[in-house]
Structure formats: structure tokens, C-alpha cells
Protein backbone atom coordinates (compact mmCIF):
# COMPACT_ATOMS: atom_id res chain seq x y z
CA MET A 1 1.84 -19.26 -9.10
CA SER A 2 1.95 -18.88 -12.85
CA PHE A 3 -0.97 -17.30 -14.64
CA LEU A 4 -0.68 -19.94 -17.34
CA GLN A 5 -1.19 -23.01 -15.12
CA GLN A 6 -4.04 -25.48 -15.37
CA PRO A 7 -7.30 -24.23 -13.85
CA LYS A 8 -8.41 -24.87 -10.28
CA SER A 9 -11.71 -24.14 -8.66
CA LEU A 10 -12.31 -20.41 -8.20
CA ASP A 11 -13.22 -21.19 -4.58
CA ASP A 12 -9.53 -22.01 -3.99
CA PHE A 13 -8.74 -18.30 -4.45
CA ARG A 14 -11.59 -16.82 -2.44
CA TRP A 15 -10.38 -13.98 -0.19
CA GLU A 16 -6.84 -14.32 -1.59
CA LYS A 17 -6.98 -12.88 -5.10
CA ARG A 18 -9.06 -10.52 -7.19
CA ILE A 19 -10.23 -12.56 -10.16
CA ILE A 20 -10.42 -11.26 -13.72
CA VAL A 21 -12.05 -13.52 -16.31
CA VAL A 22 -11.02 -13.03 -19.94
CA PHE A 23 -12.89 -14.83 -22.70
CA ASP A 24 -10.93 -15.83 -25.78
CA SER A 25 -11.46 -13.58 -28.77
CA PRO A 26 -9.63 -12.98 -32.06
CA GLY A 27 -7.85 -9.90 -30.65
CA PHE A 28 -6.75 -11.46 -27.35
CA ASP A 29 -2.98 -11.12 -26.87
CA GLN A 30 -1.34 -13.54 -24.41
CA THR A 31 2.01 -11.74 -24.72
CA TRP A 32 0.52 -8.87 -22.69
CA ILE A 33 -0.14 -11.28 -19.82
CA LYS A 34 3.42 -12.58 -19.90
CA SER A 35 4.93 -9.11 -20.02
CA HIS A 36 2.82 -7.86 -17.07
CA GLN A 37 2.86 -10.98 -14.91
CA LYS A 38 4.87 -9.36 -12.10
CA GLU A 39 2.45 -6.42 -11.85
CA LEU A 40 -0.55 -8.76 -11.82
CA GLU A 41 1.00 -10.80 -8.99
CA GLU A 42 1.88 -7.68 -6.97
CA ARG A 43 -1.76 -6.57 -7.11
CA LYS A 44 -2.96 -10.07 -6.18
CA LEU A 45 -4.88 -10.42 -9.42
CA LEU A 46 -5.74 -13.81 -10.86
CA LEU A 47 -6.35 -13.76 -14.58
CA VAL A 48 -8.54 -16.63 -15.78
CA HIS A 49 -8.37 -17.13 -19.55
CA VAL A 50 -11.38 -19.01 -20.91
CA SER A 51 -11.02 -20.57 -24.37
CA GLU A 52 -12.68 -23.34 -26.33
């Protein structure tokens, strides 16, 4: 699953992933997510990016 896909309900990931919620801010860098995607997947982390 890509970390940049459209959102689902957080209940869909219950007991499967550890969820990290990141709120959009002027200093937020999406390139970091792309460059560390493999590590995030290996640790079963789900990064939820919230923006306007």
C-alpha cells in the first residue's frame, strides 16, 4: 500500500498498523516520506497526512 493513496477509515487499519498523523505545516517535507517509504512499511507504520 502506498503512503500517498486516498484516505480510508482508520478503523480499516486497526490492529494492523501503527498510525502516525501529520498535520500540514509550512515546513512539512513530503520528499522525506517518499525516501523512507520502505522503512515505514517494514515497521508497519501508516502515515496519515492531513491538509486543507
